Every structure is written in C-alpha cells, then in structure tokens.
Amino acid sequence: AHESLRSMDKSCGTGWVELPSLTTKADIQSIKDKAKEIQELANLFIVIGVGGAINGIKSGVKLFKKHNAKTEILFIGEDFNAKRLQETLEYAKNKEVFVNVISKCFGPVLSAVINGKLIFVC
C-alpha cells in the first residue's frame, strides 16, 4: 500500500506520505510558536475545511485540547451552509479571531469558489 501511495500523482492529496521525513525541527517549532500565539491572543479559532482534511484536525483537537483553554474552536465548511456561515460571522463579531483554512487539495475548494458556490467575507 505504501509503495502504491508513493507512486501516485503527488499533485493532490498524497503529499502527507512524505511529510514525516521532510518535516524539520524548525517546522515543528514554528507550529508550536503559532499555537502559543493563537492561545495567547485569540478567544475564537475557526477552522474551515472540506471532507477528510478537517477530520484530522478535529481528532487532534479532541486529543490535545486543554480543558481550561480560553480559545474556543469552531469547525465550519463541512457543508458550506450559508446560514451556518452567517451565524458564525455574527458570533465572531466581538471576538479576537484566528482562521485556518485546511485542505489536502484545494481543487474542490477552488472549484466551489470559481463556480460561485462559496463566498467568504471577513
């Protein structure tokens, strides 16, 4: 299975196969520094993702989230429901917000934007 993944087209969705061997200590430190910044400054962290890309983040948050953390985490984008997006924007109005958009492959996301199915305004 691993060899099959390695031989697939890397343009979409299989970059994670090589990620462990390509990740440096500086990369890890950069992630830790950004996480600390978000924890110190934000009281709302919004993760926007589609399909499987967001599932890993959800699992990681459940595993590592501190129960006393002051930063609330919201996940949106699984269905790009206009009403839910509007409610989220309204909820975030008076909060310090960081947004992370995650995708294994931006092709479907860009297609949705190009076809006018998704409009995100900050």
Protein backbone atom coordinates (compact mmCIF):
# COMPACT_ATOMS: atom_id res chain seq x y z
CA ALA A 1 0.00 0.00 0.00
CA HIS A 2 2.82 2.39 0.88
CA GLU A 3 4.54 1.86 -2.47
CA SER A 4 1.22 2.39 -4.23
CA LEU A 5 0.78 5.72 -2.44
CA ARG A 6 4.35 6.77 -3.26
CA SER A 7 3.79 6.12 -6.97
CA MET A 8 0.57 8.15 -7.18
CA ASP A 9 0.38 11.63 -8.69
CA LYS A 10 1.54 14.00 -5.94
CA SER A 11 -0.42 16.96 -7.27
CA CYS A 12 -3.36 16.29 -5.00
CA GLY A 13 -3.87 14.51 -1.74
CA THR A 14 -0.78 12.35 -1.20
CA GLY A 15 1.81 14.88 -0.04
CA TRP A 16 1.32 13.67 3.52
CA VAL A 17 3.07 10.39 2.62
CA GLU A 18 6.47 12.09 2.61
CA LEU A 19 5.66 14.71 5.25
CA PRO A 20 7.26 12.96 8.26
CA SER A 21 10.62 12.67 6.53
CA LEU A 22 10.50 16.25 5.20
CA THR A 23 9.44 17.98 8.42
CA THR A 24 12.28 19.74 10.23
CA LYS A 25 12.67 20.70 13.88
CA ALA A 26 12.30 24.31 12.74
CA ASP A 27 8.94 23.44 11.14
CA ILE A 28 7.72 21.89 14.41
CA GLN A 29 8.95 24.89 16.41
CA SER A 30 7.19 27.26 14.03
CA ILE A 31 3.92 25.37 14.55
CA LYS A 32 4.36 25.44 18.33
CA ASP A 33 5.10 29.18 18.24
CA LYS A 34 1.98 29.88 16.17
CA ALA A 35 -0.13 27.72 18.50
CA LYS A 36 1.15 29.68 21.50
CA GLU A 37 0.39 32.98 19.76
CA ILE A 38 -3.15 31.86 18.98
CA GLN A 39 -3.70 30.63 22.54
CA GLU A 40 -2.48 33.95 23.94
CA LEU A 41 -4.31 36.30 21.56
CA ALA A 42 -7.47 34.58 20.32
CA ASN A 43 -10.62 33.65 22.09
CA LEU A 44 -12.03 32.07 18.91
CA PHE A 45 -10.20 29.88 16.41
CA ILE A 46 -12.17 28.97 13.30
CA VAL A 47 -11.10 26.01 11.19
CA ILE A 48 -12.54 25.91 7.69
CA GLY A 49 -12.19 22.60 5.91
CA VAL A 50 -13.77 20.23 3.46
CA GLY A 51 -14.19 16.48 3.81
CA GLY A 52 -11.34 14.39 5.13
CA ALA A 53 -8.96 17.33 5.53
CA ILE A 54 -10.86 18.61 8.55
CA ASN A 55 -11.24 15.21 10.25
CA GLY A 56 -7.58 15.01 11.25
CA ILE A 57 -7.74 18.45 12.83
CA LYS A 58 -10.89 17.53 14.76
CA SER A 59 -9.23 14.38 16.08
CA GLY A 60 -6.09 16.25 17.09
CA VAL A 61 -8.08 18.91 18.91
CA LYS A 62 -10.05 16.28 20.81
CA LEU A 63 -6.83 14.53 21.77
CA PHE A 64 -4.74 17.54 22.80
CA LYS A 65 -7.16 20.31 23.75
CA LYS A 66 -6.68 21.61 27.26
CA HIS A 67 -9.93 21.58 29.18
CA ASN A 68 -9.16 25.00 30.62
CA ALA A 69 -8.20 26.56 27.28
CA LYS A 70 -9.61 30.06 26.76
CA THR A 71 -9.66 29.69 22.98
CA GLU A 72 -12.87 28.24 21.62
CA ILE A 73 -12.52 26.21 18.43
CA LEU A 74 -15.23 26.09 15.77
CA PHE A 75 -15.20 23.86 12.70
CA ILE A 76 -17.05 25.06 9.63
CA GLY A 77 -17.12 24.22 5.97
CA GLU A 78 -18.18 20.61 6.01
CA ASP A 79 -21.31 21.63 4.15
CA PHE A 80 -20.73 25.34 3.37
CA ASN A 81 -24.19 26.07 4.63
CA ALA A 82 -24.83 29.81 4.10
CA LYS A 83 -26.93 30.14 7.25
CA ARG A 84 -24.25 28.50 9.40
CA LEU A 85 -21.54 30.72 7.90
CA GLN A 86 -23.63 33.81 8.61
CA GLU A 87 -24.29 32.66 12.20
CA THR A 88 -20.57 32.04 12.69
CA LEU A 89 -19.66 35.50 11.39
CA GLU A 90 -22.26 37.06 13.69
CA TYR A 91 -20.98 35.03 16.65
CA ALA A 92 -17.38 36.11 15.93
CA LYS A 93 -18.13 39.84 15.68
CA ASN A 94 -16.70 40.96 19.02
CA LYS A 95 -14.06 38.28 19.46
CA GLU A 96 -10.37 38.05 18.73
CA VAL A 97 -10.41 35.53 15.88
CA PHE A 98 -7.83 33.46 14.03
CA VAL A 99 -8.93 31.49 10.95
CA ASN A 100 -7.24 28.42 9.49
CA VAL A 101 -8.29 27.06 6.10
CA ILE A 102 -7.20 23.47 5.62
CA SER A 103 -7.41 21.26 2.57
CA LYS A 104 -5.47 18.27 1.32
CA CYS A 105 -6.25 19.51 -2.16
CA PHE A 106 -7.56 22.97 -2.90
CA GLY A 107 -9.03 21.81 -6.23
CA PRO A 108 -12.56 21.18 -4.89
CA VAL A 109 -12.46 24.35 -2.79
CA LEU A 110 -11.28 26.50 -5.69
CA SER A 111 -13.89 24.93 -7.97
CA ALA A 112 -16.58 25.89 -5.49
CA VAL A 113 -15.27 29.45 -5.34
CA ILE A 114 -14.99 29.74 -9.10
CA ASN A 115 -18.49 28.44 -9.62
CA GLY A 116 -19.85 30.98 -7.15
CA LYS A 117 -20.88 28.36 -4.61
CA LEU A 118 -18.71 29.80 -1.86
CA ILE A 119 -18.25 33.40 -0.85
CA PHE A 120 -16.37 34.07 2.36
CA VAL A 121 -16.13 37.66 3.51
CA CYS A 122 -14.18 38.86 6.52
